[in-house]
Protein backbone atom coordinates (compact mmCIF):
# COMPACT_ATOMS: atom_id res chain seq x y z
CA UNK A 1 1.91 24.12 47.45
CA UNK A 2 5.59 25.31 47.41
CA UNK A 3 6.67 27.35 44.61
CA UNK A 4 10.20 26.97 42.96
CA UNK A 5 11.72 29.12 40.49
CA UNK A 6 15.06 28.10 38.77
CA UNK A 7 16.66 30.96 36.75
CA UNK A 8 19.22 28.89 34.90
CA UNK A 9 20.94 31.50 32.63
CA UNK A 10 21.43 31.62 29.94
CA UNK A 11 25.22 33.96 30.09
CA UNK A 12 24.82 37.41 28.46
CA UNK A 13 21.13 37.53 28.80
CA UNK A 14 20.48 39.97 31.71
CA UNK A 15 21.73 37.77 34.43
CA UNK A 16 23.33 40.25 36.64
CA UNK A 17 20.43 42.83 36.28
CA UNK A 18 18.13 40.04 37.57
CA UNK A 19 20.21 38.98 40.39
CA UNK A 20 20.37 42.69 41.26
CA UNK A 21 16.82 42.81 41.27
CA UNK A 22 16.64 39.76 43.51
CA UNK A 23 19.00 40.67 45.84
CA UNK A 24 17.78 44.52 46.51
CA UNK A 25 14.28 43.08 47.32
CA UNK A 26 15.70 40.17 49.53
CA UNK A 27 13.59 41.23 52.24
CA UNK A 28 10.80 41.46 50.88
CA UNK A 29 11.33 37.99 48.84
CA UNK A 30 12.53 36.00 52.39
CA UNK A 31 9.09 35.25 53.94
CA UNK A 32 8.06 33.64 51.25
CA UNK A 33 10.66 32.43 49.21
CA UNK A 34 14.65 31.15 50.32
CA UNK A 35 16.59 32.83 48.21
CA UNK A 36 19.79 31.37 46.27
CA UNK A 37 22.06 33.69 44.66
CA UNK A 38 25.52 33.34 42.82
CA UNK A 39 27.23 34.39 46.35
CA UNK A 40 25.83 30.97 47.59
CA UNK A 41 26.16 28.96 44.49
CA UNK A 42 29.71 29.86 44.41
CA UNK A 43 30.84 29.78 47.93
CA UNK A 44 29.91 26.27 48.13
CA UNK A 45 31.57 25.28 45.07
CA UNK A 46 28.27 24.76 42.81
CA UNK A 47 29.03 26.93 40.17
CA UNK A 48 32.39 25.05 39.37
CA UNK A 49 30.70 21.88 40.11
CA UNK A 50 28.36 22.55 37.31
CA UNK A 51 30.78 24.20 34.58
CA UNK A 52 33.34 21.04 35.26
CA UNK A 53 30.27 18.66 34.36
CA UNK A 54 29.36 20.56 31.24
CA UNK A 55 33.09 20.03 30.37
CA UNK A 56 33.80 16.50 31.20
CA UNK A 57 29.87 15.20 30.70
CA UNK A 58 30.91 12.18 33.31
CA UNK A 59 28.70 10.29 35.94
CA UNK A 60 31.29 11.31 38.56
CA UNK A 61 31.26 15.35 37.36
CA UNK A 62 27.07 14.75 37.47
CA UNK A 63 26.93 12.91 41.07
CA UNK A 64 29.45 15.64 42.49
CA UNK A 65 27.39 18.36 41.42
CA UNK A 66 24.37 16.49 43.11
CA UNK A 67 26.17 15.88 46.23
CA UNK A 68 27.15 19.61 46.98
CA UNK A 69 23.62 21.02 45.68
CA UNK A 70 21.94 18.11 48.19
CA UNK A 71 24.02 19.74 50.75
CA UNK A 72 23.02 23.15 50.21
CA UNK A 73 19.22 22.20 49.78
CA UNK A 74 19.44 20.44 53.41
CA UNK A 75 20.65 23.87 54.89
CA UNK A 76 18.02 25.86 53.89
CA UNK A 77 15.33 26.70 56.19
CA UNK A 78 11.87 26.02 54.24
CA UNK A 79 9.54 26.83 57.06
CA UNK A 80 5.79 25.22 56.54
CA UNK A 81 5.17 27.38 53.36
CA UNK A 82 8.13 28.68 51.63
CA UNK A 83 8.96 28.20 48.19
CA UNK A 84 12.83 28.69 46.72
CA UNK A 85 14.20 31.18 44.02
CA UNK A 86 17.60 30.19 42.30
CA UNK A 87 19.37 32.51 39.87
CA UNK A 88 22.63 31.28 38.72
CA UNK A 89 23.59 31.16 35.05
CA UNK A 90 26.64 28.66 35.64
CA UNK A 91 24.00 26.11 36.23
CA UNK A 92 23.36 25.73 32.22
CA UNK A 93 27.06 24.86 32.04
CA UNK A 94 30.32 27.19 31.19
CA UNK A 95 30.16 30.08 29.30
CA UNK A 96 29.81 28.62 25.59
CA UNK A 97 32.86 30.74 24.56
CA UNK A 98 35.04 29.01 27.07
CA UNK A 99 33.63 25.79 26.03
CA UNK A 100 32.93 25.88 22.13
CA UNK A 101 32.93 21.85 21.96
CA UNK A 102 29.90 21.54 23.98
CA UNK A 103 28.36 24.64 24.67
CA UNK A 104 25.13 24.32 26.70
CA UNK A 105 24.65 20.69 25.51
CA UNK A 106 25.17 19.92 29.58
CA UNK A 107 22.24 22.31 30.57
CA UNK A 108 19.12 19.49 30.11
CA UNK A 109 21.11 17.22 32.47
CA UNK A 110 21.84 19.54 35.01
CA UNK A 111 18.41 20.87 35.01
CA UNK A 112 17.16 17.50 35.55
CA UNK A 113 19.46 16.74 38.11
CA UNK A 114 18.30 19.93 39.91
CA UNK A 115 14.91 19.14 39.52
CA UNK A 116 15.18 15.70 41.11
CA UNK A 117 16.99 17.02 44.10
CA UNK A 118 14.29 19.88 44.84
CA UNK A 119 11.75 16.90 44.79
CA UNK A 120 13.48 14.86 46.97
CA UNK A 121 14.28 17.33 49.65
CA UNK A 122 10.89 18.18 49.58
CA UNK A 123 9.37 14.74 49.30
CA UNK A 124 5.91 14.04 50.29
CA UNK A 125 4.82 17.70 49.68
CA UNK A 126 3.19 19.17 46.60
CA UNK A 127 5.82 21.00 44.60
CA UNK A 128 5.16 23.30 41.50
CA UNK A 129 8.73 24.09 39.59
CA UNK A 130 9.01 26.26 36.72
CA UNK A 131 12.59 26.62 34.99
CA UNK A 132 13.04 30.09 33.48
CA UNK A 133 15.52 31.00 30.97
CA UNK A 134 16.46 34.45 29.15
CA UNK A 135 17.19 34.40 26.11
CA UNK A 136 18.68 36.97 23.42
CA UNK A 137 19.21 37.31 19.58
CA UNK A 138 22.09 35.55 18.73
CA UNK A 139 23.89 38.23 17.19
CA UNK A 140 23.92 40.29 20.21
CA UNK A 141 24.44 37.58 22.47
CA UNK A 142 27.44 36.42 20.39
CA UNK A 143 29.08 40.13 20.10
CA UNK A 144 28.05 40.41 24.21
CA UNK A 145 30.23 37.05 24.69
CA UNK A 146 33.20 38.47 22.73
CA UNK A 147 33.15 41.74 24.65
CA UNK A 148 33.41 39.78 27.61
CA UNK A 149 35.93 37.89 26.50
CA UNK A 150 38.22 40.71 25.43
CA UNK A 151 37.83 42.17 28.99
CA UNK A 152 38.52 39.18 30.96
CA UNK A 153 40.97 37.27 28.48
CA UNK A 154 43.70 37.74 26.23
CA UNK A 155 41.45 37.13 23.06
CA UNK A 156 43.15 38.28 19.95
CA UNK A 157 40.33 37.20 17.61
CA UNK A 158 38.04 40.09 15.76
CA UNK A 159 34.36 39.46 16.04
CA UNK A 160 33.78 37.81 12.61
CA UNK A 161 36.41 34.99 13.78
CA UNK A 162 34.87 34.74 16.91
CA UNK A 163 31.42 34.70 15.56
CA UNK A 164 32.72 31.48 13.41
CA UNK A 165 34.26 29.28 16.11
CA UNK A 166 30.55 29.31 17.79
CA UNK A 167 28.53 28.76 14.77
CA UNK A 168 27.72 25.56 15.19
CA UNK A 169 26.06 25.93 18.54
CA UNK A 170 22.30 25.36 18.91
CA UNK A 171 20.38 28.69 19.21
CA UNK A 172 19.29 29.91 22.83
CA UNK A 173 16.05 28.94 21.91
CA UNK A 174 16.77 25.56 20.82
CA UNK A 175 18.81 25.18 24.37
CA UNK A 176 15.38 25.97 25.83
CA UNK A 177 13.50 23.15 23.64
CA UNK A 178 16.25 20.79 24.91
CA UNK A 179 15.40 21.28 28.46
CA UNK A 180 11.43 21.61 28.30
CA UNK A 181 11.93 18.10 25.93
CA UNK A 182 14.33 16.50 28.93
CA UNK A 183 11.45 18.10 31.78
CA UNK A 184 8.09 17.46 30.07
CA UNK A 185 6.25 17.52 33.92
CA UNK A 186 7.95 20.97 34.26
CA UNK A 187 7.16 24.53 33.29
CA UNK A 188 9.74 25.81 31.40
CA UNK A 189 9.16 29.63 30.64
CA UNK A 190 11.52 32.03 28.45
CA UNK A 191 11.39 35.75 28.30
CA UNK A 192 13.49 37.66 25.70
CA UNK A 193 16.18 40.31 26.97
CA UNK A 194 15.27 42.65 24.16
CA UNK A 195 11.47 42.45 25.29
CA UNK A 196 12.39 42.72 28.90
CA UNK A 197 14.20 45.83 28.46
CA UNK A 198 11.42 48.02 28.09
CA UNK A 199 9.44 46.21 31.12
CA UNK A 200 9.52 48.45 34.56
CA UNK A 201 11.79 45.80 36.42
CA UNK A 202 13.95 45.32 33.09
CA UNK A 203 15.24 41.56 33.48
CA UNK A 204 14.10 41.34 36.90
CA UNK A 205 10.23 41.85 35.79
CA UNK A 206 9.39 37.89 35.60
CA UNK A 207 10.73 37.67 39.03
CA UNK A 208 8.05 40.43 40.07
CA UNK A 209 5.44 38.50 38.32
CA UNK A 210 6.43 35.41 39.82
CA UNK A 211 6.28 36.57 43.53
CA UNK A 212 2.68 37.44 43.27
CA UNK A 213 3.19 39.55 46.45
CA UNK A 214 0.02 41.27 47.91
CA UNK A 215 -0.09 44.77 46.58
CA UNK A 216 1.51 46.46 49.24
CA UNK A 217 4.43 44.58 49.45
CA UNK A 218 4.55 44.61 45.32
CA UNK A 219 4.30 48.34 45.62
CA UNK A 220 7.56 48.42 47.63
CA UNK A 221 9.49 46.58 44.77
CA UNK A 222 12.78 48.33 43.51
CA UNK A 223 14.17 48.04 40.00
CA UNK A 224 17.68 46.23 39.54
CA UNK A 225 20.86 48.49 40.56
CA UNK A 226 23.40 47.09 38.43
CA UNK A 227 23.54 45.68 35.19
CA UNK A 228 26.09 45.01 32.69
CA UNK A 229 26.17 47.83 30.13
CA UNK A 230 28.00 47.09 26.61
CA UNK A 231 31.15 49.18 26.19
CA UNK A 232 31.27 51.54 23.07
CA UNK A 233 32.50 50.33 19.50
CA UNK A 234 35.78 52.44 19.43
CA UNK A 235 36.74 50.68 23.31
CA UNK A 236 36.32 47.12 22.06
CA UNK A 237 38.76 47.86 19.19
CA UNK A 238 41.03 49.08 21.79
CA UNK A 239 40.65 46.28 24.20
CA UNK A 240 41.43 43.91 20.94
CA UNK A 241 44.38 45.90 20.16
CA UNK A 242 46.12 45.60 23.62
CA UNK A 243 44.99 42.07 23.66
CA UNK A 244 47.39 41.76 20.20
CA UNK A 245 50.26 43.73 21.65
CA UNK A 246 53.22 42.55 23.18
CA UNK A 247 52.33 43.63 26.84
CA UNK A 248 52.95 41.30 29.57
CA UNK A 249 50.10 40.16 31.65
CA UNK A 250 50.39 42.61 34.08
CA UNK A 251 50.84 45.46 32.20
CA UNK A 252 48.07 44.56 29.82
CA UNK A 253 45.84 43.96 32.65
CA UNK A 254 46.88 47.00 34.07
CA UNK A 255 46.10 49.08 30.69
CA UNK A 256 42.76 47.25 29.78
CA UNK A 257 41.33 48.10 33.40
CA UNK A 258 42.51 51.86 32.76
CA UNK A 259 40.66 51.66 29.42
CA UNK A 260 37.66 50.12 30.60
CA UNK A 261 37.37 52.12 33.73
CA UNK A 262 37.62 55.78 31.49
CA UNK A 263 34.59 54.40 29.59
CA UNK A 264 32.69 53.56 32.18
CA UNK A 265 33.20 56.73 33.65
CA UNK A 266 32.33 58.82 30.38
CA UNK A 267 29.05 56.57 30.22
CA UNK A 268 28.32 57.55 33.75
CA UNK A 269 29.04 61.31 33.33
């Protein structure tokens, strides 16, 4: 039986660390599973195709995602028994803070399309597919979205105003439930970031378990080297002030970059 794990996000729930775990251990993973990480999906335009569909919700945009994903699947070497692990948070749709009207509403249909494509690629074979979603408590998740947008966009809302614009969105657990309802014959697994942080491999722990490597190989797994550490509150306040300033975009980007780098240097030191 081929085993497939589809990690479909969600944003700001430890996905960077999860993908770092998979990348750092790719040589141990490859003999057993083909590995699809964002450097592949984004190079192939798949991330953009998925997020475009989450905005427009058209048959044409879903078909475009399917066509591009089918091309990628056909390029993979599954050998005689190899399974697949995929991790791409944008396959649940555009980050909700950039698509507040839809949020993750397109996630179930994107997941269903992906599952159907995998069954088609491995037609005639027994395939066990698990959809995995990492979750996060709503307050911490929204604050992480706010902090991200402070850094990467000219966001001028304070946190309370920002949160109010997203209050109408379903919870992450409800998103997972919607995917589970859409795919009753697929195992949909969830883990909370708050719980994963206490485990040996952090957000990589569910993957370590899924791999079921022989003991000698499992002992060689290493923890993720990369993760997104939150910036201190005074730094976020400073970034908000810069976004609200009259600086032109070039100067704003330069000053924000300097503030963020200084904060990260202090965290490391």
